[in-house]
Amino acid sequence: MGFLARRPKTNEICADHTVLPSIVVKPSVNSDRAWVWNTGDTKLSEMFAIRFANAELAHAFKTEFQKAQDHMAAVL
């Protein structure tokens, strides 16, 4: 499974990567509506952050991201 995010106003792609089971999604510092993660432990890894309008949307994102990771763990 993949993760694809676009910027709201420009529709520009700002994140595009595979959702691997090894990715750790952590809450952003001092925010209940933002998450940060790193795509891997290689030289090509990237750090991503996403912020939502409210905590409920942030929680829903985390839940769906974990479902995608569980699916990928079963496939790999």
C-alpha atoms as a PDB file:
ATOM      1  CA  MET A   1       0.000   0.000   0.000  1.00  0.00           C
ATOM      2  CA  GLY A   2       1.120   3.500  -0.651  1.00  0.00           C
ATOM      3  CA  PHE A   3       0.717   6.899   0.925  1.00  0.00           C
ATOM      4  CA  LEU A   4       0.064   9.887  -1.307  1.00  0.00           C
ATOM      5  CA  ALA A   5      -0.605  13.415  -0.060  1.00  0.00           C
ATOM      6  CA  ARG A   6      -1.240  16.613  -1.993  1.00  0.00           C
ATOM      7  CA  ARG A   7      -1.160  20.234  -0.901  1.00  0.00           C
ATOM      8  CA  PRO A   8      -4.740  21.562  -0.602  1.00  0.00           C
ATOM      9  CA  LYS A   9      -4.464  24.756  -2.658  1.00  0.00           C
ATOM     10  CA  THR A  10      -1.968  23.764  -5.370  1.00  0.00           C
ATOM     11  CA  ASN A  11      -2.718  20.020  -5.557  1.00  0.00           C
ATOM     12  CA  GLU A  12       1.064  19.493  -5.664  1.00  0.00           C
ATOM     13  CA  ILE A  13       2.263  16.079  -4.444  1.00  0.00           C
ATOM     14  CA  CYS A  14       4.087  16.544  -1.146  1.00  0.00           C
ATOM     15  CA  ALA A  15       4.394  12.916   0.017  1.00  0.00           C
ATOM     16  CA  ASP A  16       4.513   9.643  -1.892  1.00  0.00           C
ATOM     17  CA  HIS A  17       5.888   6.475  -0.283  1.00  0.00           C
ATOM     18  CA  THR A  18       5.105   2.879   0.597  1.00  0.00           C
ATOM     19  CA  VAL A  19       3.487   2.295   3.988  1.00  0.00           C
ATOM     20  CA  LEU A  20       5.920  -0.153   5.554  1.00  0.00           C
ATOM     21  CA  PRO A  21       5.282  -1.944   8.854  1.00  0.00           C
ATOM     22  CA  SER A  22       8.599  -0.586  10.170  1.00  0.00           C
ATOM     23  CA  ILE A  23       7.489   3.060   9.985  1.00  0.00           C
ATOM     24  CA  VAL A  24       6.837   4.587  13.406  1.00  0.00           C
ATOM     25  CA  VAL A  25       4.250   7.370  13.411  1.00  0.00           C
ATOM     26  CA  LYS A  26       4.694   9.624  16.448  1.00  0.00           C
ATOM     27  CA  PRO A  27       2.699  12.589  17.707  1.00  0.00           C
ATOM     28  CA  SER A  28       4.250  15.929  16.895  1.00  0.00           C
ATOM     29  CA  VAL A  29       5.572  17.901  19.848  1.00  0.00           C
ATOM     30  CA  ASN A  30       2.896  19.932  21.654  1.00  0.00           C
ATOM     31  CA  SER A  31       0.074  18.959  19.284  1.00  0.00           C
ATOM     32  CA  ASP A  32      -2.793  16.489  19.465  1.00  0.00           C
ATOM     33  CA  ARG A  33      -3.597  16.956  15.778  1.00  0.00           C
ATOM     34  CA  ALA A  34      -0.231  16.365  14.081  1.00  0.00           C
ATOM     35  CA  TRP A  35       1.954  13.318  13.329  1.00  0.00           C
ATOM     36  CA  VAL A  36       5.569  12.859  12.214  1.00  0.00           C
ATOM     37  CA  TRP A  37       7.348   9.819  10.758  1.00  0.00           C
ATOM     38  CA  ASN A  38      10.450   8.751   8.916  1.00  0.00           C
ATOM     39  CA  THR A  39      10.194   6.527   5.842  1.00  0.00           C
ATOM     40  CA  GLY A  40      13.162   4.317   6.724  1.00  0.00           C
ATOM     41  CA  ASP A  41      16.670   3.828   8.008  1.00  0.00           C
ATOM     42  CA  THR A  42      18.461   4.225   4.681  1.00  0.00           C
ATOM     43  CA  LYS A  43      20.314   7.186   3.219  1.00  0.00           C
ATOM     44  CA  LEU A  44      17.228   7.873   1.100  1.00  0.00           C
ATOM     45  CA  SER A  45      14.839   8.077   4.044  1.00  0.00           C
ATOM     46  CA  GLU A  46      12.739  11.199   4.486  1.00  0.00           C
ATOM     47  CA  MET A  47      10.981  12.834   7.422  1.00  0.00           C
ATOM     48  CA  PHE A  48       7.298  13.673   7.004  1.00  0.00           C
ATOM     49  CA  ALA A  49       4.815  15.626   9.097  1.00  0.00           C
ATOM     50  CA  ILE A  50       1.088  16.092   8.719  1.00  0.00           C
ATOM     51  CA  ARG A  51      -1.288  18.367  10.633  1.00  0.00           C
ATOM     52  CA  PHE A  52      -5.070  18.145  10.699  1.00  0.00           C
ATOM     53  CA  ALA A  53      -7.830  20.610  11.462  1.00  0.00           C
ATOM     54  CA  ASN A  54      -8.778  18.750  14.644  1.00  0.00           C
ATOM     55  CA  ALA A  55      -7.744  15.860  16.883  1.00  0.00           C
ATOM     56  CA  GLU A  56     -10.520  13.572  15.608  1.00  0.00           C
ATOM     57  CA  LEU A  57      -9.196  13.723  12.046  1.00  0.00           C
ATOM     58  CA  ALA A  58      -5.659  13.163  13.304  1.00  0.00           C
ATOM     59  CA  HIS A  59      -6.765  10.079  15.229  1.00  0.00           C
ATOM     60  CA  ALA A  60      -8.649   8.743  12.185  1.00  0.00           C
ATOM     61  CA  PHE A  61      -5.510   9.175  10.054  1.00  0.00           C
ATOM     62  CA  LYS A  62      -3.387   7.265  12.577  1.00  0.00           C
ATOM     63  CA  THR A  63      -5.944   4.445  12.688  1.00  0.00           C
ATOM     64  CA  GLU A  64      -6.028   4.107   8.893  1.00  0.00           C
ATOM     65  CA  PHE A  65      -2.233   4.315   8.646  1.00  0.00           C
ATOM     66  CA  GLN A  66      -1.949   1.465  11.156  1.00  0.00           C
ATOM     67  CA  LYS A  67      -4.480  -0.590   9.164  1.00  0.00           C
ATOM     68  CA  ALA A  68      -2.337  -0.098   6.054  1.00  0.00           C
ATOM     69  CA  GLN A  69       0.750  -1.176   8.006  1.00  0.00           C
ATOM     70  CA  ASP A  70      -1.039  -4.305   9.254  1.00  0.00           C
ATOM     71  CA  HIS A  71      -2.071  -5.139   5.693  1.00  0.00           C
ATOM     72  CA  MET A  72       1.492  -4.686   4.430  1.00  0.00           C
ATOM     73  CA  ALA A  73       2.859  -6.850   7.264  1.00  0.00           C
ATOM     74  CA  ALA A  74       0.547  -9.649   6.161  1.00  0.00           C
ATOM     75  CA  VAL A  75       1.587  -9.255   2.516  1.00  0.00           C
ATOM     76  CA  LEU A  76       5.320  -9.043   3.157  1.00  0.00           C
END
